Amino acid sequence: MIEYKFEEEKDFILHYARKLDRPIVIKVIEAGQAVSSEEANALAKFFWDMVDEIVKDKKNGEVVAGQSDLEAWNEYVFESIRAYLRNSGYESEWEKHA
């Protein structure tokens, strides 16, 4: 299961998964785990696409899922997703997109 340092990370990730129209990522986050290499790849790729969106939102002064310090939340999500993928045997999927 994906373990978060902060419960709000899940809402933060889901915001971007919806914004970027990533139904596979939404499924993974809601289930709390990836069940295939395809899902793990989708999650890893999504993370880096999400970073690009965070940069845009930060420049525009956006508040996302109630959070205004988008850089900090990006770091929390990075640690959670990276740790999950590595610990679940999907390190190559993570490294492919890192």
PDB file of N, CA and C in Angstrom:
ATOM      1  N   MET A   1       0.841  -1.199   0.000  1.00  0.00           N
ATOM      2  CA  MET A   1       0.000   0.000   0.000  1.00  0.00           C
ATOM      3  C   MET A   1       0.881   1.257   0.000  1.00  0.00           C
ATOM      4  N   ILE A   2       0.388   2.265  -0.662  1.00  0.00           N
ATOM      5  CA  ILE A   2       1.108   3.533  -0.674  1.00  0.00           C
ATOM      6  C   ILE A   2       0.955   4.167   0.703  1.00  0.00           C
ATOM      7  N   GLU A   3       2.080   4.499   1.306  1.00  0.00           N
ATOM      8  CA  GLU A   3       2.065   5.142   2.621  1.00  0.00           C
ATOM      9  C   GLU A   3       2.450   6.600   2.444  1.00  0.00           C
ATOM     10  N   TYR A   4       1.644   7.464   3.026  1.00  0.00           N
ATOM     11  CA  TYR A   4       1.872   8.903   2.925  1.00  0.00           C
ATOM     12  C   TYR A   4       2.340   9.454   4.259  1.00  0.00           C
ATOM     13  N   LYS A   5       3.227  10.440   4.180  1.00  0.00           N
ATOM     14  CA  LYS A   5       3.639  11.136   5.396  1.00  0.00           C
ATOM     15  C   LYS A   5       2.461  11.951   5.928  1.00  0.00           C
ATOM     16  N   PHE A   6       1.696  12.521   5.008  1.00  0.00           N
ATOM     17  CA  PHE A   6       0.527  13.318   5.364  1.00  0.00           C
ATOM     18  C   PHE A   6      -0.686  12.807   4.587  1.00  0.00           C
ATOM     19  N   GLU A   7      -1.793  12.694   5.253  1.00  0.00           N
ATOM     20  CA  GLU A   7      -3.030  12.212   4.639  1.00  0.00           C
ATOM     21  C   GLU A   7      -3.438  13.069   3.439  1.00  0.00           C
ATOM     22  N   GLU A   8      -3.150  14.366   3.496  1.00  0.00           N
ATOM     23  CA  GLU A   8      -3.543  15.295   2.433  1.00  0.00           C
ATOM     24  C   GLU A   8      -2.851  15.017   1.099  1.00  0.00           C
ATOM     25  N   GLU A   9      -1.768  14.261   1.122  1.00  0.00           N
ATOM     26  CA  GLU A   9      -1.057  13.954  -0.122  1.00  0.00           C
ATOM     27  C   GLU A   9      -1.980  13.276  -1.134  1.00  0.00           C
ATOM     28  N   LYS A  10      -2.823  12.397  -0.649  1.00  0.00           N
ATOM     29  CA  LYS A  10      -3.723  11.662  -1.538  1.00  0.00           C
ATOM     30  C   LYS A  10      -4.626  12.636  -2.301  1.00  0.00           C
ATOM     31  N   ASP A  11      -5.199  13.616  -1.618  1.00  0.00           N
ATOM     32  CA  ASP A  11      -6.043  14.618  -2.278  1.00  0.00           C
ATOM     33  C   ASP A  11      -5.237  15.450  -3.267  1.00  0.00           C
ATOM     34  N   PHE A  12      -4.011  15.763  -2.887  1.00  0.00           N
ATOM     35  CA  PHE A  12      -3.118  16.537  -3.742  1.00  0.00           C
ATOM     36  C   PHE A  12      -2.844  15.773  -5.042  1.00  0.00           C
ATOM     37  N   ILE A  13      -2.511  14.495  -4.922  1.00  0.00           N
ATOM     38  CA  ILE A  13      -2.247  13.662  -6.097  1.00  0.00           C
ATOM     39  C   ILE A  13      -3.501  13.517  -6.952  1.00  0.00           C
ATOM     40  N   LEU A  14      -4.620  13.253  -6.314  1.00  0.00           N
ATOM     41  CA  LEU A  14      -5.872  13.080  -7.067  1.00  0.00           C
ATOM     42  C   LEU A  14      -6.255  14.338  -7.828  1.00  0.00           C
ATOM     43  N   HIS A  15      -5.987  15.502  -7.256  1.00  0.00           N
ATOM     44  CA  HIS A  15      -6.254  16.769  -7.957  1.00  0.00           C
ATOM     45  C   HIS A  15      -5.533  16.775  -9.303  1.00  0.00           C
ATOM     46  N   TYR A  16      -4.250  16.455  -9.268  1.00  0.00           N
ATOM     47  CA  TYR A  16      -3.467  16.477 -10.507  1.00  0.00           C
ATOM     48  C   TYR A  16      -3.811  15.312 -11.430  1.00  0.00           C
ATOM     49  N   ALA A  17      -4.132  14.169 -10.887  1.00  0.00           N
ATOM     50  CA  ALA A  17      -4.521  13.035 -11.730  1.00  0.00           C
ATOM     51  C   ALA A  17      -5.786  13.376 -12.512  1.00  0.00           C
ATOM     52  N   ARG A  18      -6.700  14.076 -11.861  1.00  0.00           N
ATOM     53  CA  ARG A  18      -7.926  14.501 -12.560  1.00  0.00           C
ATOM     54  C   ARG A  18      -7.621  15.609 -13.563  1.00  0.00           C
ATOM     55  N   LYS A  19      -6.807  16.562 -13.145  1.00  0.00           N
ATOM     56  CA  LYS A  19      -6.459  17.686 -14.017  1.00  0.00           C
ATOM     57  C   LYS A  19      -5.760  17.199 -15.279  1.00  0.00           C
ATOM     58  N   LEU A  20      -4.902  16.191 -15.137  1.00  0.00           N
ATOM     59  CA  LEU A  20      -4.160  15.656 -16.279  1.00  0.00           C
ATOM     60  C   LEU A  20      -4.880  14.488 -16.963  1.00  0.00           C
ATOM     61  N   ASP A  21      -6.087  14.201 -16.484  1.00  0.00           N
ATOM     62  CA  ASP A  21      -6.928  13.142 -17.055  1.00  0.00           C
ATOM     63  C   ASP A  21      -6.183  11.803 -17.124  1.00  0.00           C
ATOM     64  N   ARG A  22      -5.814  11.316 -15.941  1.00  0.00           N
ATOM     65  CA  ARG A  22      -5.090  10.051 -15.825  1.00  0.00           C
ATOM     66  C   ARG A  22      -5.920   9.030 -15.042  1.00  0.00           C
ATOM     67  N   PRO A  23      -6.882   8.391 -15.692  1.00  0.00           N
ATOM     68  CA  PRO A  23      -7.754   7.439 -14.987  1.00  0.00           C
ATOM     69  C   PRO A  23      -7.001   6.271 -14.352  1.00  0.00           C
ATOM     70  N   ILE A  24      -5.918   5.825 -14.977  1.00  0.00           N
ATOM     71  CA  ILE A  24      -5.150   4.724 -14.372  1.00  0.00           C
ATOM     72  C   ILE A  24      -4.549   5.173 -13.050  1.00  0.00           C
ATOM     73  N   VAL A  25      -4.030   6.380 -13.019  1.00  0.00           N
ATOM     74  CA  VAL A  25      -3.429   6.902 -11.782  1.00  0.00           C
ATOM     75  C   VAL A  25      -4.504   7.079 -10.720  1.00  0.00           C
ATOM     76  N   ILE A  26      -5.651   7.574 -11.093  1.00  0.00           N
ATOM     77  CA  ILE A  26      -6.756   7.723 -10.136  1.00  0.00           C
ATOM     78  C   ILE A  26      -7.080   6.360  -9.528  1.00  0.00           C
ATOM     79  N   LYS A  27      -7.158   5.348 -10.371  1.00  0.00           N
ATOM     80  CA  LYS A  27      -7.439   3.990  -9.904  1.00  0.00           C
ATOM     81  C   LYS A  27      -6.368   3.512  -8.918  1.00  0.00           C
ATOM     82  N   VAL A  28      -5.108   3.719  -9.256  1.00  0.00           N
ATOM     83  CA  VAL A  28      -3.997   3.292  -8.390  1.00  0.00           C
ATOM     84  C   VAL A  28      -4.056   4.008  -7.050  1.00  0.00           C
ATOM     85  N   ILE A  29      -4.255   5.315  -7.068  1.00  0.00           N
ATOM     86  CA  ILE A  29      -4.278   6.090  -5.828  1.00  0.00           C
ATOM     87  C   ILE A  29      -5.475   5.694  -4.970  1.00  0.00           C
ATOM     88  N   GLU A  30      -6.625   5.539  -5.592  1.00  0.00           N
ATOM     89  CA  GLU A  30      -7.807   5.147  -4.820  1.00  0.00           C
ATOM     90  C   GLU A  30      -7.665   3.740  -4.247  1.00  0.00           C
ATOM     91  N   ALA A  31      -7.007   2.831  -4.995  1.00  0.00           N
ATOM     92  CA  ALA A  31      -6.793   1.465  -4.504  1.00  0.00           C
ATOM     93  C   ALA A  31      -5.650   1.401  -3.495  1.00  0.00           C
ATOM     94  N   GLY A  32      -4.747   2.381  -3.577  1.00  0.00           N
ATOM     95  CA  GLY A  32      -3.606   2.402  -2.673  1.00  0.00           C
ATOM     96  C   GLY A  32      -2.437   1.564  -3.140  1.00  0.00           C
ATOM     97  N   GLN A  33      -2.537   1.039  -4.372  1.00  0.00           N
ATOM     98  CA  GLN A  33      -1.447   0.220  -4.885  1.00  0.00           C
ATOM     99  C   GLN A  33      -1.561   0.021  -6.390  1.00  0.00           C
ATOM    100  N   ALA A  34      -0.413  -0.243  -6.996  1.00  0.00           N
ATOM    101  CA  ALA A  34      -0.369  -0.637  -8.399  1.00  0.00           C
ATOM    102  C   ALA A  34      -0.369  -2.159  -8.432  1.00  0.00           C
ATOM    103  N   VAL A  35      -1.106  -2.735  -9.373  1.00  0.00           N
ATOM    104  CA  VAL A  35      -1.183  -4.192  -9.444  1.00  0.00           C
ATOM    105  C   VAL A  35      -0.478  -4.751 -10.679  1.00  0.00           C
ATOM    106  N   SER A  36       0.185  -3.868 -11.435  1.00  0.00           N
ATOM    107  CA  SER A  36       0.895  -4.326 -12.629  1.00  0.00           C
ATOM    108  C   SER A  36       2.002  -3.334 -12.967  1.00  0.00           C
ATOM    109  N   SER A  37       2.894  -3.801 -13.807  1.00  0.00           N
ATOM    110  CA  SER A  37       3.959  -2.927 -14.294  1.00  0.00           C
ATOM    111  C   SER A  37       3.373  -1.749 -15.065  1.00  0.00           C
ATOM    112  N   GLU A  38       2.301  -1.995 -15.805  1.00  0.00           N
ATOM    113  CA  GLU A  38       1.637  -0.924 -16.565  1.00  0.00           C
ATOM    114  C   GLU A  38       1.152   0.181 -15.625  1.00  0.00           C
ATOM    115  N   GLU A  39       0.522  -0.198 -14.525  1.00  0.00           N
ATOM    116  CA  GLU A  39       0.047   0.798 -13.560  1.00  0.00           C
ATOM    117  C   GLU A  39       1.213   1.518 -12.898  1.00  0.00           C
ATOM    118  N   ALA A  40       2.266   0.782 -12.568  1.00  0.00           N
ATOM    119  CA  ALA A  40       3.440   1.407 -11.946  1.00  0.00           C
ATOM    120  C   ALA A  40       4.085   2.404 -12.903  1.00  0.00           C
ATOM    121  N   ASN A  41       4.178   2.043 -14.175  1.00  0.00           N
ATOM    122  CA  ASN A  41       4.718   2.958 -15.189  1.00  0.00           C
ATOM    123  C   ASN A  41       3.864   4.208 -15.298  1.00  0.00           C
ATOM    124  N   ALA A  42       2.555   4.023 -15.303  1.00  0.00           N
ATOM    125  CA  ALA A  42       1.638   5.164 -15.400  1.00  0.00           C
ATOM    126  C   ALA A  42       1.822   6.094 -14.204  1.00  0.00           C
ATOM    127  N   LEU A  43       1.986   5.528 -13.019  1.00  0.00           N
ATOM    128  CA  LEU A  43       2.178   6.335 -11.813  1.00  0.00           C
ATOM    129  C   LEU A  43       3.504   7.089 -11.862  1.00  0.00           C
ATOM    130  N   ALA A  44       4.563   6.416 -12.266  1.00  0.00           N
ATOM    131  CA  ALA A  44       5.876   7.066 -12.346  1.00  0.00           C
ATOM    132  C   ALA A  44       5.880   8.194 -13.372  1.00  0.00           C
ATOM    133  N   LYS A  45       5.340   7.934 -14.552  1.00  0.00           N
ATOM    134  CA  LYS A  45       5.285   8.977 -15.592  1.00  0.00           C
ATOM    135  C   LYS A  45       4.415  10.140 -15.132  1.00  0.00           C
ATOM    136  N   PHE A  46       3.286   9.821 -14.524  1.00  0.00           N
ATOM    137  CA  PHE A  46       2.396  10.856 -14.019  1.00  0.00           C
ATOM    138  C   PHE A  46       3.117  11.781 -13.046  1.00  0.00           C
ATOM    139  N   PHE A  47       3.931  11.212 -12.155  1.00  0.00           N
ATOM    140  CA  PHE A  47       4.591  12.056 -11.167  1.00  0.00           C
ATOM    141  C   PHE A  47       5.361  13.180 -11.854  1.00  0.00           C
ATOM    142  N   TRP A  48       6.143  12.859 -12.873  1.00  0.00           N
ATOM    143  CA  TRP A  48       6.959  13.881 -13.528  1.00  0.00           C
ATOM    144  C   TRP A  48       6.107  14.859 -14.336  1.00  0.00           C
ATOM    145  N   ASP A  49       5.012  14.389 -14.890  1.00  0.00           N
ATOM    146  CA  ASP A  49       4.080  15.305 -15.556  1.00  0.00           C
ATOM    147  C   ASP A  49       3.420  16.225 -14.529  1.00  0.00           C
ATOM    148  N   MET A  50       3.145  15.678 -13.355  1.00  0.00           N
ATOM    149  CA  MET A  50       2.559  16.463 -12.275  1.00  0.00           C
ATOM    150  C   MET A  50       3.519  17.573 -11.847  1.00  0.00           C
ATOM    151  N   VAL A  51       4.799  17.279 -11.798  1.00  0.00           N
ATOM    152  CA  VAL A  51       5.799  18.294 -11.424  1.00  0.00           C
ATOM    153  C   VAL A  51       5.699  19.498 -12.354  1.00  0.00           C
ATOM    154  N   ASP A  52       5.565  19.240 -13.666  1.00  0.00           N
ATOM    155  CA  ASP A  52       5.431  20.340 -14.625  1.00  0.00           C
ATOM    156  C   ASP A  52       4.189  21.187 -14.326  1.00  0.00           C
ATOM    157  N   GLU A  53       3.089  20.532 -13.969  1.00  0.00           N
ATOM    158  CA  GLU A  53       1.857  21.251 -13.631  1.00  0.00           C
ATOM    159  C   GLU A  53       2.022  22.046 -12.340  1.00  0.00           C
ATOM    160  N   ILE A  54       2.722  21.472 -11.381  1.00  0.00           N
ATOM    161  CA  ILE A  54       2.959  22.161 -10.108  1.00  0.00           C
ATOM    162  C   ILE A  54       3.744  23.443 -10.350  1.00  0.00           C
ATOM    163  N   VAL A  55       4.745  23.371 -11.207  1.00  0.00           N
ATOM    164  CA  VAL A  55       5.542  24.567 -11.529  1.00  0.00           C
ATOM    165  C   VAL A  55       4.632  25.658 -12.091  1.00  0.00           C
ATOM    166  N   LYS A  56       3.747  25.294 -13.016  1.00  0.00           N
ATOM    167  CA  LYS A  56       2.810  26.269 -13.595  1.00  0.00           C
ATOM    168  C   LYS A  56       1.875  26.831 -12.521  1.00  0.00           C
ATOM    169  N   ASP A  57       1.336  25.946 -11.692  1.00  0.00           N
ATOM    170  CA  ASP A  57       0.400  26.390 -10.665  1.00  0.00           C
ATOM    171  C   ASP A  57       1.081  27.288  -9.638  1.00  0.00           C
ATOM    172  N   LYS A  58       2.328  26.984  -9.300  1.00  0.00           N
ATOM    173  CA  LYS A  58       3.067  27.820  -8.344  1.00  0.00           C
ATOM    174  C   LYS A  58       3.261  29.223  -8.924  1.00  0.00           C
ATOM    175  N   LYS A  59       3.631  29.295 -10.194  1.00  0.00           N
ATOM    176  CA  LYS A  59       3.823  30.601 -10.849  1.00  0.00           C
ATOM    177  C   LYS A  59       2.541  31.418 -10.830  1.00  0.00           C
ATOM    178  N   ASN A  60       1.397  30.735 -10.909  1.00  0.00           N
ATOM    179  CA  ASN A  60       0.100  31.410 -10.924  1.00  0.00           C
ATOM    180  C   ASN A  60      -0.479  31.620  -9.531  1.00  0.00           C
ATOM    181  N   GLY A  61       0.256  31.222  -8.498  1.00  0.00           N
ATOM    182  CA  GLY A  61      -0.211  31.423  -7.132  1.00  0.00           C
ATOM    183  C   GLY A  61      -1.404  30.553  -6.750  1.00  0.00           C
ATOM    184  N   GLU A  62      -1.528  29.405  -7.393  1.00  0.00           N
ATOM    185  CA  GLU A  62      -2.662  28.506  -7.139  1.00  0.00           C
ATOM    186  C   GLU A  62      -2.587  27.859  -5.758  1.00  0.00           C
ATOM    187  N   VAL A  63      -3.746  27.582  -5.209  1.00  0.00           N
ATOM    188  CA  VAL A  63      -3.881  26.762  -4.010  1.00  0.00           C
ATOM    189  C   VAL A  63      -4.467  25.443  -4.488  1.00  0.00           C
ATOM    190  N   VAL A  64      -3.797  24.336  -4.152  1.00  0.00           N
ATOM    191  CA  VAL A  64      -4.193  23.022  -4.647  1.00  0.00           C
ATOM    192  C   VAL A  64      -4.555  22.123  -3.472  1.00  0.00           C
ATOM    193  N   ALA A  65      -5.763  21.621  -3.492  1.00  0.00           N
ATOM    194  CA  ALA A  65      -6.249  20.734  -2.422  1.00  0.00           C
ATOM    195  C   ALA A  65      -6.005  21.364  -1.052  1.00  0.00           C
ATOM    196  N   GLY A  66      -6.209  22.683  -0.997  1.00  0.00           N
ATOM    197  CA  GLY A  66      -6.051  23.408   0.258  1.00  0.00           C
ATOM    198  C   GLY A  66      -4.617  23.761   0.621  1.00  0.00           C
ATOM    199  N   GLN A  67      -3.680  23.462  -0.269  1.00  0.00           N
ATOM    200  CA  GLN A  67      -2.258  23.681   0.019  1.00  0.00           C
ATOM    201  C   GLN A  67      -1.704  24.811  -0.848  1.00  0.00           C
ATOM    202  N   SER A  68      -0.946  25.711  -0.212  1.00  0.00           N
ATOM    203  CA  SER A  68      -0.341  26.800  -0.968  1.00  0.00           C
ATOM    204  C   SER A  68       1.162  26.608  -1.171  1.00  0.00           C
ATOM    205  N   ASP A  69       1.823  25.815  -0.325  1.00  0.00           N
ATOM    206  CA  ASP A  69       3.257  25.550  -0.470  1.00  0.00           C
ATOM    207  C   ASP A  69       3.429  24.334  -1.383  1.00  0.00           C
ATOM    208  N   LEU A  70       3.248  24.555  -2.667  1.00  0.00           N
ATOM    209  CA  LEU A  70       3.227  23.454  -3.628  1.00  0.00           C
ATOM    210  C   LEU A  70       4.562  22.731  -3.729  1.00  0.00           C
ATOM    211  N   GLU A  71       5.675  23.449  -3.543  1.00  0.00           N
ATOM    212  CA  GLU A  71       6.984  22.794  -3.586  1.00  0.00           C
ATOM    213  C   GLU A  71       7.118  21.761  -2.478  1.00  0.00           C
ATOM    214  N   ALA A  72       6.689  22.109  -1.283  1.00  0.00           N
ATOM    215  CA  ALA A  72       6.773  21.175  -0.160  1.00  0.00           C
ATOM    216  C   ALA A  72       5.909  19.949  -0.413  1.00  0.00           C
ATOM    217  N   TRP A  73       4.697  20.165  -0.901  1.00  0.00           N
ATOM    218  CA  TRP A  73       3.804  19.031  -1.155  1.00  0.00           C
ATOM    219  C   TRP A  73       4.319  18.171  -2.285  1.00  0.00           C
ATOM    220  N   ASN A  74       4.971  18.784  -3.257  1.00  0.00           N
ATOM    221  CA  ASN A  74       5.605  18.018  -4.319  1.00  0.00           C
ATOM    222  C   ASN A  74       6.672  17.092  -3.734  1.00  0.00           C
ATOM    223  N   GLU A  75       7.447  17.594  -2.803  1.00  0.00           N
ATOM    224  CA  GLU A  75       8.488  16.774  -2.168  1.00  0.00           C
ATOM    225  C   GLU A  75       7.888  15.619  -1.367  1.00  0.00           C
ATOM    226  N   TYR A  76       6.831  15.887  -0.635  1.00  0.00           N
ATOM    227  CA  TYR A  76       6.181  14.815   0.136  1.00  0.00           C
ATOM    228  C   TYR A  76       5.679  13.710  -0.800  1.00  0.00           C
ATOM    229  N   VAL A  77       5.044  14.119  -1.890  1.00  0.00           N
ATOM    230  CA  VAL A  77       4.506  13.160  -2.849  1.00  0.00           C
ATOM    231  C   VAL A  77       5.643  12.380  -3.516  1.00  0.00           C
ATOM    232  N   PHE A  78       6.719  13.082  -3.851  1.00  0.00           N
ATOM    233  CA  PHE A  78       7.896  12.429  -4.444  1.00  0.00           C
ATOM    234  C   PHE A  78       8.367  11.290  -3.553  1.00  0.00           C
ATOM    235  N   GLU A  79       8.554  11.581  -2.281  1.00  0.00           N
ATOM    236  CA  GLU A  79       9.038  10.561  -1.347  1.00  0.00           C
ATOM    237  C   GLU A  79       8.065   9.394  -1.233  1.00  0.00           C
ATOM    238  N   SER A  80       6.789   9.684  -1.167  1.00  0.00           N
ATOM    239  CA  SER A  80       5.783   8.626  -1.015  1.00  0.00           C
ATOM    240  C   SER A  80       5.717   7.722  -2.236  1.00  0.00           C
ATOM    241  N   ILE A  81       5.679   8.317  -3.418  1.00  0.00           N
ATOM    242  CA  ILE A  81       5.572   7.528  -4.644  1.00  0.00           C
ATOM    243  C   ILE A  81       6.863   6.766  -4.903  1.00  0.00           C
ATOM    244  N   ARG A  82       7.992   7.427  -4.758  1.00  0.00           N
ATOM    245  CA  ARG A  82       9.279   6.756  -4.991  1.00  0.00           C
ATOM    246  C   ARG A  82       9.455   5.583  -4.036  1.00  0.00           C
ATOM    247  N   ALA A  83       9.202   5.798  -2.758  1.00  0.00           N
ATOM    248  CA  ALA A  83       9.354   4.724  -1.774  1.00  0.00           C
ATOM    249  C   ALA A  83       8.408   3.571  -2.080  1.00  0.00           C
ATOM    250  N   TYR A  84       7.163   3.899  -2.406  1.00  0.00           N
ATOM    251  CA  TYR A  84       6.193   2.845  -2.718  1.00  0.00           C
ATOM    252  C   TYR A  84       6.667   2.005  -3.903  1.00  0.00           C
ATOM    253  N   LEU A  85       7.022   2.658  -5.008  1.00  0.00           N
ATOM    254  CA  LEU A  85       7.413   1.916  -6.201  1.00  0.00           C
ATOM    255  C   LEU A  85       8.662   1.075  -5.956  1.00  0.00           C
ATOM    256  N   ARG A  86       9.641   1.636  -5.290  1.00  0.00           N
ATOM    257  CA  ARG A  86      10.871   0.883  -5.002  1.00  0.00           C
ATOM    258  C   ARG A  86      10.597  -0.306  -4.082  1.00  0.00           C
ATOM    259  N   ASN A  87       9.824  -0.073  -3.045  1.00  0.00           N
ATOM    260  CA  ASN A  87       9.557  -1.125  -2.068  1.00  0.00           C
ATOM    261  C   ASN A  87       8.603  -2.196  -2.584  1.00  0.00           C
ATOM    262  N   SER A  88       7.900  -1.903  -3.669  1.00  0.00           N
ATOM    263  CA  SER A  88       6.925  -2.845  -4.211  1.00  0.00           C
ATOM    264  C   SER A  88       7.445  -3.594  -5.436  1.00  0.00           C
ATOM    265  N   GLY A  89       8.731  -3.448  -5.706  1.00  0.00           N
ATOM    266  CA  GLY A  89       9.321  -4.160  -6.832  1.00  0.00           C
ATOM    267  C   GLY A  89       9.202  -3.453  -8.165  1.00  0.00           C
ATOM    268  N   TYR A  90       8.861  -2.181  -8.130  1.00  0.00           N
ATOM    269  CA  TYR A  90       8.704  -1.417  -9.370  1.00  0.00           C
ATOM    270  C   TYR A  90       9.805  -0.366  -9.519  1.00  0.00           C
ATOM    271  N   GLU A  91      10.999  -0.683  -9.033  1.00  0.00           N
ATOM    272  CA  GLU A  91      12.096   0.270  -9.116  1.00  0.00           C
ATOM    273  C   GLU A  91      12.459   0.608 -10.562  1.00  0.00           C
ATOM    274  N   SER A  92      12.420  -0.384 -11.436  1.00  0.00           N
ATOM    275  CA  SER A  92      12.782  -0.119 -12.838  1.00  0.00           C
ATOM    276  C   SER A  92      11.762   0.810 -13.500  1.00  0.00           C
ATOM    277  N   GLU A  93      10.487   0.670 -13.119  1.00  0.00           N
ATOM    278  CA  GLU A  93       9.460   1.567 -13.652  1.00  0.00           C
ATOM    279  C   GLU A  93       9.722   3.000 -13.198  1.00  0.00           C
ATOM    280  N   TRP A  94      10.107   3.165 -11.936  1.00  0.00           N
ATOM    281  CA  TRP A  94      10.436   4.496 -11.411  1.00  0.00           C
ATOM    282  C   TRP A  94      11.648   5.064 -12.130  1.00  0.00           C
ATOM    283  N   GLU A  95      12.712   4.271 -12.222  1.00  0.00           N
ATOM    284  CA  GLU A  95      13.963   4.741 -12.812  1.00  0.00           C
ATOM    285  C   GLU A  95      13.792   5.081 -14.293  1.00  0.00           C
ATOM    286  N   LYS A  96      12.914   4.391 -14.973  1.00  0.00           N
ATOM    287  CA  LYS A  96      12.650   4.635 -16.389  1.00  0.00           C
ATOM    288  C   LYS A  96      12.192   6.071 -16.631  1.00  0.00           C
ATOM    289  N   HIS A  97      11.486   6.637 -15.666  1.00  0.00           N
ATOM    290  CA  HIS A  97      10.917   7.970 -15.853  1.00  0.00           C
ATOM    291  C   HIS A  97      11.637   9.055 -15.054  1.00  0.00           C
ATOM    292  N   ALA A  98      12.510   8.661 -14.140  1.00  0.00           N
ATOM    293  CA  ALA A  98      13.190   9.628 -13.249  1.00  0.00           C
ATOM    294  C   ALA A  98      14.228  10.449 -14.004  1.00  0.00           C
TER     295      ALA A  98
END
